[in-house]
Amino acid sequence: MVALLSARRFHALVAFAAFALLGVAFYMEYQMGLEPCPLCMLQRIAFFLIGVFSLISACRAQAAWHRKLAWPIVVLSVLGAGLAVRHLYLQNLPMEELPACLPGLSYMFEVFPWQEIMQAMIMGTGECGDVLWTFLGLSIPGWTLVAFIAMALVNLVIAWKAK
């Protein structure tokens, strides 16, 4: 029974979940036509990095690696959860209080300094306030928040319990 609940298997599961969520995000973008906002893109980056760290840990047999790699995953999960909370906040603002919409990212990369682009992406834009899809009463950032919290909790247990 212990082998079924190993840190290595949990990291493999977290990596699978992170990459599966990215697959769903790309499906929603390219098949359903839902355009991602800047906060969505940052959450995708967080899921990708979580997936990479989890996959590296799942490929290593040493428990020390599982503990060491669990902490960056926790940090990335908390940062991703913070982005999801900001996204949910923007979705619940009245339309007149939403930040202004910005030009596309390709144009911004050509014209603006990267510091302004990152600030705009983290703070969110008017597009971030749109609720384009819901499932069981939760929008996309609501579900990403659930995923980030679950990934953080699993990795906290791995960091504290792995032997």
Protein backbone atom coordinates (compact mmCIF):
# COMPACT_ATOMS: atom_id res chain seq x y z
CA MET A 1 0.00 0.00 0.00
CA VAL A 2 2.87 2.38 0.76
CA ALA A 3 4.20 2.05 -2.80
CA LEU A 4 0.85 3.25 -4.15
CA LEU A 5 1.06 6.43 -2.07
CA SER A 6 4.67 7.33 -2.77
CA ALA A 7 5.84 10.90 -3.33
CA ARG A 8 7.10 9.84 -6.73
CA ARG A 9 3.62 8.71 -7.81
CA PHE A 10 1.98 11.82 -6.42
CA HIS A 11 4.43 13.97 -8.37
CA ALA A 12 3.63 11.96 -11.49
CA LEU A 13 -0.06 12.61 -10.84
CA VAL A 14 0.55 16.35 -10.30
CA ALA A 15 2.59 16.51 -13.53
CA PHE A 16 -0.18 14.72 -15.41
CA ALA A 17 -2.82 17.06 -13.96
CA ALA A 18 -0.80 20.19 -14.79
CA PHE A 19 -0.20 19.12 -18.39
CA ALA A 20 -3.82 17.94 -18.76
CA LEU A 21 -5.04 21.35 -17.57
CA LEU A 22 -2.80 22.99 -20.15
CA GLY A 23 -4.31 20.70 -22.77
CA VAL A 24 -7.80 21.77 -21.71
CA ALA A 25 -6.73 25.43 -21.86
CA PHE A 26 -5.40 25.03 -25.40
CA TYR A 27 -8.56 23.15 -26.40
CA MET A 28 -10.68 26.00 -25.04
CA GLU A 29 -8.55 28.52 -26.92
CA TYR A 30 -8.20 26.83 -30.29
CA GLN A 31 -11.35 24.70 -30.53
CA MET A 32 -13.88 26.67 -28.49
CA GLY A 33 -12.52 30.08 -29.52
CA LEU A 34 -12.06 31.43 -25.98
CA GLU A 35 -9.33 34.06 -26.06
CA PRO A 36 -7.06 33.90 -22.97
CA CYS A 37 -6.53 37.09 -21.00
CA PRO A 38 -3.14 38.06 -19.51
CA LEU A 39 -3.93 36.45 -16.15
CA CYS A 40 -4.89 33.22 -17.94
CA MET A 41 -1.53 33.21 -19.70
CA LEU A 42 0.35 33.66 -16.42
CA GLN A 43 -1.63 30.83 -14.85
CA ARG A 44 -0.69 28.64 -17.82
CA ILE A 45 2.97 29.44 -17.21
CA ALA A 46 2.54 28.45 -13.55
CA PHE A 47 0.92 25.13 -14.54
CA PHE A 48 3.70 24.45 -17.04
CA LEU A 49 6.43 25.06 -14.44
CA ILE A 50 4.59 22.96 -11.86
CA GLY A 51 4.34 20.18 -14.44
CA VAL A 52 8.04 20.37 -15.26
CA PHE A 53 9.16 20.31 -11.60
CA SER A 54 6.73 17.48 -10.82
CA LEU A 55 7.89 15.46 -13.83
CA ILE A 56 11.54 15.88 -12.83
CA SER A 57 10.69 14.70 -9.31
CA ALA A 58 8.66 11.77 -10.62
CA CYS A 59 11.65 10.64 -12.67
CA ARG A 60 13.97 10.66 -9.63
CA ALA A 61 14.00 7.79 -7.15
CA GLN A 62 15.66 9.64 -4.24
CA ALA A 63 13.32 10.96 -1.55
CA ALA A 64 15.56 13.99 -1.06
CA TRP A 65 14.69 15.11 -4.59
CA HIS A 66 10.99 14.79 -3.84
CA ARG A 67 11.32 17.03 -0.78
CA LYS A 68 13.55 19.56 -2.55
CA LEU A 69 11.31 19.82 -5.61
CA ALA A 70 8.10 19.96 -3.57
CA TRP A 71 8.95 23.43 -2.24
CA PRO A 72 9.21 25.21 -5.62
CA ILE A 73 5.96 23.51 -6.61
CA VAL A 74 4.31 24.85 -3.45
CA VAL A 75 5.60 28.35 -4.22
CA LEU A 76 4.42 28.17 -7.84
CA SER A 77 1.04 26.84 -6.69
CA VAL A 78 0.63 29.69 -4.21
CA LEU A 79 1.60 32.24 -6.88
CA GLY A 80 -0.83 30.63 -9.32
CA ALA A 81 -3.55 30.67 -6.67
CA GLY A 82 -2.88 34.36 -6.10
CA LEU A 83 -3.29 35.02 -9.82
CA ALA A 84 -6.53 33.03 -9.82
CA VAL A 85 -7.85 35.01 -6.83
CA ARG A 86 -6.99 38.28 -8.61
CA HIS A 87 -8.77 36.96 -11.70
CA LEU A 88 -11.86 36.04 -9.68
CA TYR A 89 -11.78 39.49 -8.07
CA LEU A 90 -11.78 41.14 -11.49
CA GLN A 91 -14.62 38.91 -12.66
CA ASN A 92 -16.73 40.07 -9.74
CA LEU A 93 -16.12 43.80 -10.23
CA PRO A 94 -18.84 45.94 -11.79
CA MET A 95 -18.13 46.73 -15.45
CA GLU A 96 -17.39 50.41 -14.75
CA GLU A 97 -14.67 49.52 -12.23
CA LEU A 98 -12.74 47.12 -14.47
CA PRO A 99 -9.28 48.21 -15.62
CA ALA A 100 -8.95 49.39 -19.20
CA CYS A 101 -8.48 46.86 -21.96
CA LEU A 102 -5.01 46.81 -23.49
CA PRO A 103 -3.77 46.12 -27.00
CA GLY A 104 -2.67 42.59 -27.92
CA LEU A 105 0.45 41.15 -26.35
CA SER A 106 2.35 41.00 -29.65
CA TYR A 107 1.90 44.76 -30.06
CA MET A 108 2.79 45.38 -26.42
CA PHE A 109 6.03 43.38 -26.78
CA GLU A 110 6.99 45.59 -29.72
CA VAL A 111 6.18 48.93 -28.06
CA PHE A 112 6.23 48.71 -24.25
CA PRO A 113 9.10 47.88 -21.88
CA TRP A 114 8.84 44.41 -20.36
CA GLN A 115 8.26 45.83 -16.83
CA GLU A 116 5.04 47.52 -17.97
CA ILE A 117 3.91 44.40 -19.78
CA MET A 118 4.46 42.25 -16.68
CA GLN A 119 2.68 44.78 -14.46
CA ALA A 120 -0.29 44.87 -16.84
CA MET A 121 -0.40 41.08 -17.00
CA ILE A 122 -0.27 40.63 -13.21
CA MET A 123 -2.81 43.35 -12.45
CA GLY A 124 -5.13 42.13 -15.18
CA THR A 125 -7.04 44.01 -17.82
CA GLY A 126 -10.67 44.52 -18.78
CA GLU A 127 -10.64 41.22 -20.66
CA CYS A 128 -9.92 39.42 -17.38
CA GLY A 129 -13.33 40.48 -16.07
CA ASP A 130 -15.22 38.52 -18.71
CA VAL A 131 -16.70 35.19 -17.62
CA LEU A 132 -16.53 33.14 -20.82
CA TRP A 133 -17.21 29.65 -19.44
CA THR A 134 -18.55 28.05 -16.26
CA PHE A 135 -18.92 24.52 -14.96
CA LEU A 136 -20.83 23.71 -11.76
CA GLY A 137 -21.02 27.42 -11.00
CA LEU A 138 -17.26 28.05 -11.18
CA SER A 139 -15.52 29.98 -13.94
CA ILE A 140 -12.13 29.03 -15.37
CA PRO A 141 -10.13 30.90 -12.69
CA GLY A 142 -12.29 29.28 -10.01
CA TRP A 143 -11.30 25.84 -11.26
CA THR A 144 -7.65 26.83 -11.59
CA LEU A 145 -7.75 28.04 -7.98
CA VAL A 146 -9.05 24.62 -6.91
CA ALA A 147 -6.24 22.93 -8.88
CA PHE A 148 -3.53 25.22 -7.49
CA ILE A 149 -4.72 24.66 -3.91
CA ALA A 150 -4.80 20.88 -4.41
CA MET A 151 -1.29 20.90 -5.91
CA ALA A 152 0.03 23.05 -3.07
CA LEU A 153 -1.49 20.77 -0.41
CA VAL A 154 -0.17 17.58 -2.02
CA ASN A 155 3.31 19.06 -2.23
CA LEU A 156 3.23 20.37 1.33
CA VAL A 157 2.51 16.83 2.49
CA ILE A 158 5.34 15.52 0.29
CA ALA A 159 7.76 18.15 1.62
CA TRP A 160 6.96 17.35 5.25
CA LYS A 161 6.40 13.59 5.06
CA ALA A 162 8.75 12.28 2.38
CA LYS A 163 11.43 9.97 3.78
